[in-house]
Protein backbone atom coordinates (compact mmCIF):
# COMPACT_ATOMS: atom_id res chain seq x y z
CA UNK A 1 -27.10 25.96 4.42
CA UNK A 2 -25.85 22.39 4.08
CA UNK A 3 -28.14 21.07 6.85
CA UNK A 4 -31.03 23.02 5.34
CA UNK A 5 -30.55 21.35 1.94
CA UNK A 6 -30.36 17.92 3.60
CA UNK A 7 -33.63 18.56 5.49
CA UNK A 8 -35.37 19.69 2.29
CA UNK A 9 -34.28 16.48 0.54
CA UNK A 10 -35.57 14.35 3.43
CA UNK A 11 -38.94 16.13 3.50
CA UNK A 12 -39.21 15.76 -0.26
CA UNK A 13 -38.46 12.05 0.01
CA UNK A 14 -41.09 11.60 2.73
CA UNK A 15 -43.68 13.39 0.60
CA UNK A 16 -42.82 11.22 -2.39
CA UNK A 17 -43.11 8.03 -0.30
CA UNK A 18 -46.58 9.09 0.90
CA UNK A 19 -47.56 9.71 -2.71
CA UNK A 20 -46.10 6.30 -3.64
CA UNK A 21 -48.26 4.65 -0.95
CA UNK A 22 -51.38 6.38 -2.33
CA UNK A 23 -50.56 5.48 -5.94
CA UNK A 24 -49.73 1.87 -4.99
CA UNK A 25 -52.91 1.45 -2.92
CA UNK A 26 -55.33 2.75 -5.52
CA UNK A 27 -53.25 1.44 -8.41
CA UNK A 28 -53.47 -2.10 -6.98
CA UNK A 29 -57.27 -1.86 -6.96
CA UNK A 30 -57.32 -0.38 -10.47
CA UNK A 31 -55.16 -3.27 -11.77
CA UNK A 32 -57.21 -5.84 -9.82
CA UNK A 33 -60.43 -4.66 -11.53
CA UNK A 34 -58.81 -4.26 -14.99
CA UNK A 35 -59.10 -0.47 -15.14
CA UNK A 36 -62.32 0.02 -13.20
CA UNK A 37 -62.75 0.10 -9.38
CA UNK A 38 -65.93 -1.08 -7.63
CA UNK A 39 -67.33 1.63 -5.36
CA UNK A 40 -67.44 -0.68 -2.30
CA UNK A 41 -63.67 -1.32 -2.36
CA UNK A 42 -62.96 2.32 -3.22
CA UNK A 43 -64.89 3.48 -0.13
CA UNK A 44 -63.19 0.76 1.93
CA UNK A 45 -59.75 1.91 0.86
CA UNK A 46 -60.66 5.58 1.44
CA UNK A 47 -61.57 4.71 5.04
CA UNK A 48 -58.35 2.81 5.82
CA UNK A 49 -55.78 4.68 3.70
CA UNK A 50 -54.60 6.82 6.71
CA UNK A 51 -53.79 3.56 8.60
CA UNK A 52 -51.87 2.23 5.58
CA UNK A 53 -49.83 5.45 5.36
CA UNK A 54 -49.06 5.57 9.09
CA UNK A 55 -48.05 1.91 9.31
CA UNK A 56 -45.88 2.04 6.17
CA UNK A 57 -44.13 5.29 7.10
CA UNK A 58 -43.46 3.96 10.60
CA UNK A 59 -41.68 0.95 9.09
CA UNK A 60 -39.73 3.17 6.68
CA UNK A 61 -38.55 5.49 9.45
CA UNK A 62 -37.56 2.56 11.69
CA UNK A 63 -35.53 1.13 8.79
CA UNK A 64 -33.65 4.48 8.52
CA UNK A 65 -34.90 5.19 5.01
CA UNK A 66 -34.37 8.92 5.56
CA UNK A 67 -30.88 8.67 7.07
CA UNK A 68 -29.22 6.75 4.22
CA UNK A 69 -26.96 8.46 1.68
CA UNK A 70 -28.85 7.47 -1.46
CA UNK A 71 -26.15 8.97 -3.65
CA UNK A 72 -24.09 5.90 -2.69
CA UNK A 73 -26.96 3.40 -2.74
CA UNK A 74 -25.90 -0.21 -3.26
CA UNK A 75 -27.28 -3.75 -2.95
CA UNK A 76 -27.55 -3.14 0.80
CA UNK A 77 -30.11 -0.38 0.25
CA UNK A 78 -32.02 -2.51 -2.29
CA UNK A 79 -32.31 -5.24 0.33
CA UNK A 80 -33.61 -2.74 2.89
CA UNK A 81 -36.24 -1.39 0.48
CA UNK A 82 -37.58 -4.86 -0.29
CA UNK A 83 -37.47 -5.92 3.37
CA UNK A 84 -39.23 -2.75 4.58
CA UNK A 85 -42.04 -3.15 2.05
CA UNK A 86 -42.54 -6.84 2.92
CA UNK A 87 -42.69 -5.97 6.64
CA UNK A 88 -45.14 -3.12 6.04
CA UNK A 89 -47.51 -5.21 3.92
CA UNK A 90 -47.35 -7.98 6.52
CA UNK A 91 -48.35 -5.55 9.26
CA UNK A 92 -51.13 -4.08 7.11
CA UNK A 93 -52.46 -7.53 6.36
CA UNK A 94 -52.46 -8.41 10.07
CA UNK A 95 -54.24 -5.17 11.03
CA UNK A 96 -56.85 -5.66 8.30
CA UNK A 97 -57.55 -9.19 9.53
CA UNK A 98 -57.98 -7.93 13.11
CA UNK A 99 -60.30 -5.14 11.95
CA UNK A 100 -62.26 -7.52 9.72
CA UNK A 101 -61.45 -5.60 6.54
CA UNK A 102 -62.48 -7.68 3.53
CA UNK A 103 -59.73 -6.99 0.95
CA UNK A 104 -58.67 -9.11 -2.03
CA UNK A 105 -55.54 -11.18 -1.37
CA UNK A 106 -54.24 -10.22 -4.80
CA UNK A 107 -54.38 -6.55 -3.74
CA UNK A 108 -51.65 -7.14 -1.17
CA UNK A 109 -49.31 -8.66 -3.76
CA UNK A 110 -49.93 -5.96 -6.36
CA UNK A 111 -49.58 -3.23 -3.72
CA UNK A 112 -46.21 -4.70 -2.59
CA UNK A 113 -44.83 -4.80 -6.14
CA UNK A 114 -45.96 -1.26 -6.97
CA UNK A 115 -44.68 0.24 -3.72
CA UNK A 116 -41.29 -1.48 -4.05
CA UNK A 117 -40.92 -0.24 -7.62
CA UNK A 118 -41.85 3.33 -6.73
CA UNK A 119 -39.89 3.73 -3.47
CA UNK A 120 -36.82 2.00 -4.86
CA UNK A 121 -37.07 3.62 -8.26
CA UNK A 122 -36.94 7.22 -7.10
CA UNK A 123 -33.88 6.61 -4.98
CA UNK A 124 -31.89 4.94 -7.76
CA UNK A 125 -33.11 7.36 -10.41
CA UNK A 126 -31.49 10.08 -8.25
CA UNK A 127 -28.20 8.20 -8.16
CA UNK A 128 -28.25 7.37 -11.88
CA UNK A 129 -29.06 11.00 -12.73
CA UNK A 130 -26.05 12.22 -10.69
CA UNK A 131 -23.84 9.63 -12.33
CA UNK A 132 -25.05 10.61 -15.79
CA UNK A 133 -24.40 14.30 -15.13
CA UNK A 134 -20.90 13.52 -13.87
CA UNK A 135 -20.16 11.46 -16.98
CA UNK A 136 -21.72 14.10 -19.24
CA UNK A 137 -19.33 16.71 -17.88
CA UNK A 138 -16.35 14.61 -18.90
CA UNK A 139 -16.95 14.41 -22.61
CA UNK A 140 -15.58 17.52 -24.21
CA UNK A 141 -13.75 18.50 -21.02
CA UNK A 142 -10.71 20.73 -21.21
CA UNK A 143 -7.35 19.14 -20.40
CA UNK A 144 -7.23 20.81 -17.00
CA UNK A 145 -10.56 19.55 -15.70
CA UNK A 146 -10.69 15.82 -14.98
CA UNK A 147 -7.90 13.29 -15.02
CA UNK A 148 -8.76 10.26 -17.15
CA UNK A 149 -7.92 6.97 -15.44
CA UNK A 150 -7.12 3.51 -16.77
CA UNK A 151 -7.22 0.75 -14.13
CA UNK A 152 -5.10 -2.35 -14.67
CA UNK A 153 -6.91 -5.18 -12.89
CA UNK A 154 -10.67 -5.70 -13.22
CA UNK A 155 -10.96 -7.48 -9.87
CA UNK A 156 -12.25 -6.52 -6.45
CA UNK A 157 -9.49 -3.95 -5.84
CA UNK A 158 -10.08 -2.28 -9.20
CA UNK A 159 -13.82 -2.33 -8.58
CA UNK A 160 -13.42 -0.61 -5.20
CA UNK A 161 -11.18 2.12 -6.61
CA UNK A 162 -13.49 2.73 -9.59
CA UNK A 163 -16.50 2.91 -7.27
CA UNK A 164 -14.81 5.43 -4.98
CA UNK A 165 -13.79 7.64 -7.90
CA UNK A 166 -17.30 7.43 -9.37
CA UNK A 167 -19.02 8.29 -6.08
CA UNK A 168 -16.74 11.13 -5.04
CA UNK A 169 -17.36 14.79 -5.84
CA UNK A 170 -13.94 15.70 -4.41
CA UNK A 171 -11.74 13.60 -6.69
CA UNK A 172 -11.10 15.37 -9.97
CA UNK A 173 -10.86 12.05 -11.82
CA UNK A 174 -12.89 9.78 -14.09
CA UNK A 175 -12.36 6.07 -14.79
CA UNK A 176 -12.37 5.50 -18.55
CA UNK A 177 -11.54 1.81 -18.98
CA UNK A 178 -10.04 -1.34 -17.48
CA UNK A 179 -7.22 -3.65 -18.52
CA UNK A 180 -7.16 -7.31 -17.45
CA UNK A 181 -5.32 -10.41 -18.67
CA UNK A 182 -8.23 -12.83 -18.11
CA UNK A 183 -9.90 -13.95 -21.34
CA UNK A 184 -13.31 -14.18 -19.65
CA UNK A 185 -13.24 -10.48 -18.76
CA UNK A 186 -12.48 -9.14 -22.22
CA UNK A 187 -15.24 -6.83 -23.48
CA UNK A 188 -17.10 -7.06 -20.16
CA UNK A 189 -18.05 -4.03 -18.06
CA UNK A 190 -17.17 -3.14 -14.46
CA UNK A 191 -18.77 -0.08 -12.84
CA UNK A 192 -20.01 0.75 -16.32
CA UNK A 193 -16.48 0.83 -17.78
CA UNK A 194 -15.27 -1.61 -20.42
CA UNK A 195 -12.36 -4.02 -20.13
CA UNK A 196 -10.62 -2.97 -23.36
CA UNK A 197 -7.79 -5.48 -23.53
CA UNK A 198 -4.86 -7.22 -21.92
CA UNK A 199 -1.62 -5.69 -20.68
CA UNK A 200 -0.11 -5.67 -24.18
CA UNK A 201 -2.84 -3.22 -25.26
CA UNK A 202 -1.99 -0.67 -22.55
CA UNK A 203 0.01 1.73 -24.79
CA UNK A 204 -2.58 1.56 -27.59
CA UNK A 205 -5.55 1.98 -25.21
CA UNK A 206 -3.83 4.83 -23.37
CA UNK A 207 -3.50 6.75 -26.63
CA UNK A 208 -6.95 5.82 -27.95
CA UNK A 209 -8.78 6.83 -24.76
CA UNK A 210 -6.59 9.85 -23.99
CA UNK A 211 -5.53 8.43 -20.60
CA UNK A 212 -3.75 10.65 -18.06
CA UNK A 213 -3.09 8.18 -15.23
CA UNK A 214 -2.73 4.40 -14.97
CA UNK A 215 -3.59 2.65 -11.69
CA UNK A 216 -2.20 -0.85 -11.22
CA UNK A 217 -4.77 -2.41 -8.88
CA UNK A 218 -3.65 -6.03 -8.48
CA UNK A 219 -2.60 -6.43 -4.81
CA UNK A 220 -1.86 -10.16 -5.16
CA UNK A 221 0.59 -9.67 -8.04
CA UNK A 222 4.20 -10.84 -7.74
CA UNK A 223 7.09 -8.39 -7.89
CA UNK A 224 8.20 -9.70 -11.27
CA UNK A 225 4.75 -9.35 -12.86
CA UNK A 226 4.36 -5.87 -11.37
CA UNK A 227 7.64 -4.80 -12.96
CA UNK A 228 6.55 -6.25 -16.33
CA UNK A 229 3.33 -4.20 -16.20
CA UNK A 230 5.20 -1.06 -15.09
CA UNK A 231 7.61 -1.52 -18.01
CA UNK A 232 4.66 -1.62 -20.42
CA UNK A 233 3.01 1.39 -18.77
CA UNK A 234 6.27 3.34 -18.98
CA UNK A 235 5.94 3.31 -22.77
CA UNK A 236 3.10 5.82 -22.33
CA UNK A 237 3.24 9.39 -21.05
CA UNK A 238 0.82 8.57 -18.22
CA UNK A 239 1.45 8.89 -14.51
CA UNK A 240 1.64 5.45 -12.92
CA UNK A 241 0.39 4.48 -9.46
CA UNK A 242 0.32 1.04 -7.85
CA UNK A 243 -1.69 -0.59 -5.10
CA UNK A 244 0.37 -2.10 -2.24
CA UNK A 245 0.77 -5.86 -1.91
CA UNK A 246 -2.02 -8.00 -0.50
CA UNK A 247 -0.34 -8.41 2.90
CA UNK A 248 -0.15 -4.64 3.31
CA UNK A 249 -3.90 -4.13 2.82
CA UNK A 250 -5.48 -7.25 4.33
CA UNK A 251 -6.76 -5.29 7.33
CA UNK A 252 -7.77 -2.18 5.39
CA UNK A 253 -10.45 -1.48 2.83
CA UNK A 254 -9.00 -0.83 -0.62
CA UNK A 255 -9.38 2.85 -1.48
CA UNK A 256 -7.94 5.54 -3.71
CA UNK A 257 -5.72 6.61 -0.80
CA UNK A 258 -4.07 3.15 -0.85
CA UNK A 259 -2.51 3.92 -4.21
CA UNK A 260 1.10 5.07 -4.20
CA UNK A 261 3.68 6.17 -6.72
CA UNK A 262 5.96 3.57 -8.28
CA UNK A 263 8.79 2.86 -5.84
CA UNK A 264 12.28 1.60 -6.57
CA UNK A 265 11.35 -1.81 -5.12
CA UNK A 266 8.77 -2.18 -7.90
CA UNK A 267 11.60 -2.08 -10.45
CA UNK A 268 13.59 -4.89 -8.82
CA UNK A 269 12.66 -7.33 -11.59
CA UNK A 270 12.07 -10.23 -9.20
CA UNK A 271 10.24 -11.05 -5.99
CA UNK A 272 11.96 -9.89 -2.84
CA UNK A 273 13.74 -12.57 -0.81
CA UNK A 274 12.20 -13.13 2.62
CA UNK A 275 14.40 -14.86 5.15
CA UNK A 276 13.04 -16.28 8.38
CA UNK A 277 15.32 -14.33 10.70
CA UNK A 278 13.64 -15.95 13.72
CA UNK A 279 15.58 -19.13 12.95
CA UNK A 280 18.98 -17.45 12.60
CA UNK A 281 18.93 -14.64 15.16
CA UNK A 282 19.59 -16.75 18.26
CA UNK A 283 23.20 -15.54 18.30
CA UNK A 284 22.15 -11.93 19.11
CA UNK A 285 19.55 -12.79 21.74
CA UNK A 286 20.73 -11.67 25.19
CA UNK A 287 24.07 -10.56 23.68
CA UNK A 288 25.80 -7.19 23.47
CA UNK A 289 25.74 -6.16 19.81
CA UNK A 290 27.59 -3.20 18.31
CA UNK A 291 26.90 -1.64 14.89
CA UNK A 292 29.45 0.83 13.56
CA UNK A 293 28.01 3.26 11.05
CA UNK A 294 24.70 2.57 12.76
CA UNK A 295 23.11 5.77 11.48
CA UNK A 296 23.58 4.90 7.81
CA UNK A 297 21.04 3.18 5.57
CA UNK A 298 22.51 -0.31 6.09
CA UNK A 299 23.54 0.22 9.71
CA UNK A 300 20.18 1.64 10.75
CA UNK A 301 18.30 -1.28 9.18
CA UNK A 302 20.66 -3.66 10.99
CA UNK A 303 19.74 -1.93 14.26
CA UNK A 304 16.01 -2.24 13.50
CA UNK A 305 16.19 -5.97 12.84
CA UNK A 306 18.54 -6.68 15.75
CA UNK A 307 16.33 -4.70 18.15
CA UNK A 308 13.42 -7.08 17.41
CA UNK A 309 15.37 -10.09 18.70
CA UNK A 310 16.07 -9.14 22.29
CA UNK A 311 19.75 -8.18 22.51
CA UNK A 312 21.16 -7.63 25.98
CA UNK A 313 22.42 -4.27 24.76
CA UNK A 314 22.59 -2.58 21.37
CA UNK A 315 25.46 -0.14 20.82
CA UNK A 316 25.01 2.23 17.89
CA UNK A 317 28.22 3.99 16.90
CA UNK A 318 28.38 6.71 14.25
CA UNK A 319 30.31 9.90 13.51
CA UNK A 320 27.27 11.73 12.08
CA UNK A 321 25.03 12.78 14.96
CA UNK A 322 21.93 13.66 12.90
CA UNK A 323 21.51 10.14 11.51
CA UNK A 324 22.36 8.60 14.87
CA UNK A 325 19.72 10.77 16.56
CA UNK A 326 17.04 9.80 14.02
CA UNK A 327 17.51 6.04 14.45
CA UNK A 328 17.86 6.48 18.23
CA UNK A 329 14.43 8.16 18.45
CA UNK A 330 12.84 5.53 16.20
CA UNK A 331 14.20 2.62 18.25
CA UNK A 332 13.25 4.24 21.57
CA UNK A 333 9.71 4.74 20.29
CA UNK A 334 9.28 1.21 18.90
CA UNK A 335 11.25 -0.71 21.54
CA UNK A 336 10.99 1.17 24.85
CA UNK A 337 12.49 -1.78 26.76
CA UNK A 338 15.57 -1.91 24.50
CA UNK A 339 18.90 -1.27 26.24
CA UNK A 340 20.22 1.15 23.63
CA UNK A 341 23.49 3.07 23.78
CA UNK A 342 24.24 5.64 21.08
CA UNK A 343 27.88 6.77 20.79
CA UNK A 344 29.25 9.52 18.58
CA UNK A 345 32.75 8.46 17.57
CA UNK A 346 35.01 7.90 14.56
CA UNK A 347 36.43 4.49 13.73
CA UNK A 348 39.65 6.32 12.83
CA UNK A 349 40.23 7.10 16.52
CA UNK A 350 41.92 3.93 17.79
CA UNK A 351 41.95 5.07 21.44
CA UNK A 352 38.23 5.86 21.39
CA UNK A 353 37.39 2.53 19.75
CA UNK A 354 39.55 0.68 22.30
CA UNK A 355 37.74 2.44 25.15
CA UNK A 356 34.31 1.56 23.70
CA UNK A 357 35.26 -2.13 23.55
CA UNK A 358 36.79 -1.95 27.05
CA UNK A 359 33.63 -0.39 28.49
CA UNK A 360 30.97 -2.48 26.71
CA UNK A 361 32.65 -5.76 25.62
CA UNK A 362 30.38 -6.38 22.58
CA UNK A 363 29.78 -10.03 21.69
CA UNK A 364 28.92 -9.35 18.04
CA UNK A 365 30.21 -6.49 15.89
CA UNK A 366 28.69 -5.39 12.58
CA UNK A 367 31.17 -3.06 10.92
CA UNK A 368 29.21 -0.91 8.45
CA UNK A 369 31.11 2.37 8.90
CA UNK A 370 32.85 3.32 5.65
CA UNK A 371 33.27 5.86 2.88
CA UNK A 372 31.59 4.32 -0.17
CA UNK A 373 31.06 7.04 -2.80
CA UNK A 374 33.24 5.83 -5.66
CA UNK A 375 33.82 9.16 -7.53
CA UNK A 376 34.47 11.10 -4.31
CA UNK A 377 37.02 8.56 -3.10
CA UNK A 378 38.86 8.87 -6.40
CA UNK A 379 39.56 12.52 -5.60
CA UNK A 380 40.22 11.91 -1.87
CA UNK A 381 42.04 8.55 -1.71
CA UNK A 382 43.77 9.39 1.56
CA UNK A 383 40.39 9.81 3.30
CA UNK A 384 39.20 6.48 1.90
CA UNK A 385 42.27 4.74 3.26
CA UNK A 386 42.07 6.39 6.69
CA UNK A 387 38.37 5.66 7.15
CA UNK A 388 37.96 2.31 5.42
CA UNK A 389 41.31 0.59 5.92
CA UNK A 390 42.53 1.99 9.23
CA UNK A 391 38.99 2.26 10.62
CA UNK A 392 38.40 -1.45 9.93
CA UNK A 393 41.80 -2.33 11.40
CA UNK A 394 41.07 -0.44 14.63
CA UNK A 395 37.64 -2.07 15.11
CA UNK A 396 38.91 -5.55 14.18
CA UNK A 397 41.93 -5.22 16.50
CA UNK A 398 39.70 -4.22 19.43
CA UNK A 399 37.23 -7.02 18.67
CA UNK A 400 40.11 -9.51 18.82
CA UNK A 401 41.63 -7.92 21.93
CA UNK A 402 38.40 -7.94 23.95
CA UNK A 403 37.18 -11.35 22.81
CA UNK A 404 34.16 -10.57 20.64
CA UNK A 405 32.47 -13.73 19.38
CA UNK A 406 31.71 -12.50 15.83
CA UNK A 407 32.90 -9.69 13.59
CA UNK A 408 30.97 -9.13 10.35
CA UNK A 409 32.42 -6.68 7.81
CA UNK A 410 30.08 -5.05 5.30
CA UNK A 411 32.04 -5.15 2.05
CA UNK A 412 31.18 -4.63 -1.63
CA UNK A 413 31.36 -6.46 -4.95
CA UNK A 414 33.69 -3.64 -6.07
CA UNK A 415 36.36 -5.38 -3.97
CA UNK A 416 36.55 -8.07 -6.67
CA UNK A 417 39.54 -7.19 -8.91
CA UNK A 418 39.13 -3.54 -7.82
CA UNK A 419 39.32 -0.84 -10.47
CA UNK A 420 38.78 2.14 -8.16
CA UNK A 421 40.06 3.46 -4.84
CA UNK A 422 36.92 2.60 -2.89
CA UNK A 423 36.95 -1.00 -4.13
CA UNK A 424 40.65 -1.33 -3.40
CA UNK A 425 40.23 -0.11 0.19
CA UNK A 426 37.40 -2.58 0.72
CA UNK A 427 39.54 -5.42 -0.62
CA UNK A 428 42.23 -4.46 1.90
CA UNK A 429 39.53 -4.50 4.60
CA UNK A 430 38.62 -8.07 3.59
CA UNK A 431 42.27 -9.06 3.77
CA UNK A 432 42.52 -7.55 7.27
CA UNK A 433 39.47 -9.54 8.37
CA UNK A 434 40.80 -12.76 6.85
CA UNK A 435 44.17 -12.25 8.52
CA UNK A 436 42.61 -11.72 11.93
CA UNK A 437 40.40 -14.73 11.31
CA UNK A 438 43.41 -17.03 11.00
CA UNK A 439 44.77 -16.33 14.48
CA UNK A 440 41.82 -15.01 16.50
CA UNK A 441 39.17 -16.76 18.57
CA UNK A 442 36.73 -14.21 17.14
CA UNK A 443 34.92 -15.39 13.99
CA UNK A 444 35.82 -12.81 11.36
CA UNK A 445 33.75 -12.80 8.15
CA UNK A 446 32.97 -10.37 5.33
CA UNK A 447 29.78 -9.93 3.35
CA UNK A 448 29.84 -8.45 -0.16
CA UNK A 449 26.94 -6.34 -1.43
CA UNK A 450 25.95 -5.37 -4.92
CA UNK A 451 23.80 -2.30 -5.50
CA UNK A 452 21.41 -1.81 -2.59
CA UNK A 453 18.22 -0.04 -3.68
CA UNK A 454 17.76 3.24 -1.84
CA UNK A 455 20.89 3.06 0.28
CA UNK A 456 22.92 6.21 0.80
CA UNK A 457 25.38 6.54 -2.04
CA UNK A 458 23.72 3.94 -4.29
CA UNK A 459 23.16 4.71 -7.94
CA UNK A 460 19.33 4.62 -7.78
CA UNK A 461 18.80 7.98 -5.98
CA UNK A 462 21.13 9.55 -8.57
CA UNK A 463 19.16 8.02 -11.46
CA UNK A 464 15.87 9.09 -9.85
CA UNK A 465 17.04 12.68 -9.48
CA UNK A 466 18.34 12.76 -13.05
CA UNK A 467 14.99 11.50 -14.36
CA UNK A 468 13.05 14.07 -12.29
CA UNK A 469 15.23 16.81 -13.77
CA UNK A 470 14.55 15.56 -17.29
CA UNK A 471 17.80 13.65 -17.85
CA UNK A 472 20.20 12.63 -19.08
CA UNK A 473 20.67 9.46 -17.03
CA UNK A 474 24.40 8.84 -16.75
CA UNK A 475 25.61 5.24 -16.79
CA UNK A 476 29.16 3.94 -16.52
CA UNK A 477 28.85 1.88 -19.71
CA UNK A 478 25.86 0.95 -21.90
CA UNK A 479 26.60 -2.77 -21.48
CA UNK A 480 27.02 -2.71 -17.71
CA UNK A 481 24.93 -5.15 -15.67
CA UNK A 482 23.90 -4.18 -12.15
CA UNK A 483 22.55 -6.61 -9.57
CA UNK A 484 20.16 -4.98 -7.12
CA UNK A 485 18.73 -5.89 -3.74
CA UNK A 486 16.62 -3.95 -1.27
CA UNK A 487 17.93 -2.71 2.09
CA UNK A 488 15.84 -5.23 4.14
CA UNK A 489 17.04 -8.03 1.84
CA UNK A 490 20.67 -7.00 2.24
CA UNK A 491 20.46 -6.71 6.00
CA UNK A 492 18.60 -9.98 6.51
CA UNK A 493 21.29 -11.71 4.43
CA UNK A 494 24.01 -10.08 6.56
CA UNK A 495 22.31 -11.44 9.66
CA UNK A 496 22.14 -14.86 8.02
CA UNK A 497 25.86 -14.68 7.18
CA UNK A 498 26.58 -13.93 10.84
CA UNK A 499 24.72 -17.09 11.83
CA UNK A 500 26.59 -19.22 9.28
CA UNK A 501 30.04 -17.75 10.01
CA UNK A 502 32.82 -20.13 11.03
CA UNK A 503 35.67 -17.65 10.52
CA UNK A 504 37.54 -16.32 7.49
CA UNK A 505 34.70 -16.59 4.95
CA UNK A 506 33.68 -13.95 2.42
CA UNK A 507 29.95 -14.27 1.76
CA UNK A 508 28.63 -13.12 -1.61
CA UNK A 509 24.91 -12.32 -1.42
């Protein structure tokens, strides 16, 4: 049925083009003679009209006029229409000269203009009619029909998204208006939709135009500006989606599928820090590197970044086999040449840790294994001490015994004047590291984190879940200040601390 309807449309278009050729041919003569046609030229045209039709239709078919999707016609199709008509009139003129046909030169020009207007007009009238009907359906729609979209950013990305929504019969959406901060764009139209104001007008415009969703389509925007816009959008009841950064979409065409929900990184309130790890990762190249707690959020990201820099061997140690298996499969897939060893073991087991160091002799140790849930450790302080304190002691002792070059402890800002069990155990861990650092050839250092966005046990997943469930969002104190960083930021800074380590330092990121 679908192919049948397509064939009917093509046949109809061919018939219309033939009629357009006839109207243009005789209409050009009628215009040339100011409303009256001399019989000589009428008979002449009657004789050669079949040649005109054949030549013109041959050009049209060769230019794929009947294979184009005219519903999505653009400037490319306009160019083809004009080019095809110029070529066809050129061929007709050449044939007429060869056959000795005595036709007015002005006829060729008038014929070209009429034919271009008719052949182009019908195709764009079809598109405009479809667009009008789509728009007409929206006004007076019920709330469940079409989602009304506001696009923040009246640039190329916003234009592409608006065009895709407008052209698609599958997307149950309609673009209502644009928002842009440029003064020159205010009151202008893009894809037929008005730029109704700057970012400050988002809440007012959202209410005035009954907006359901807001798309932030500014791929070149900085993290800080994106957060500012998200904060303004959050004052509405609209769903918010953002387009990825410019470096994420350079090789892809911007489309509606590029949009994503607001992620925690968008709420960072600053641009992410990018460290050139190539300059600082020489100390892991061709070395045996061990990561305890390698299946966790921080440990697994450490493994990812270390794997890129050619370690002689990467040892991933974790007590939880599911996480260890997941990162093992990822690393094997991405780095098939990587010498990877995954060990299931507890840092509490001193004999097991000693055997691991005896067997593998790691040059660099990243100690990320720890219990870090503050409320849970308050109710199970003995477990916090056994895992954090004694676990760190066992790993540090073995690193010293077997001559590791560097030992980097992942600590926390809660170790500063600790007010909870978890923070206290981490402060003891730092003291262990500093003590070993005074007498050992191994360079012992600690790195303190703040809140790491998205890491296991961080406050953000809890907040996110509370918001999804409708609240309330529980905070320790209304005046508390939290300092956030992303997992890649945290890990790259840990790697940098390892490069800078001289022994005994505590790095605060």
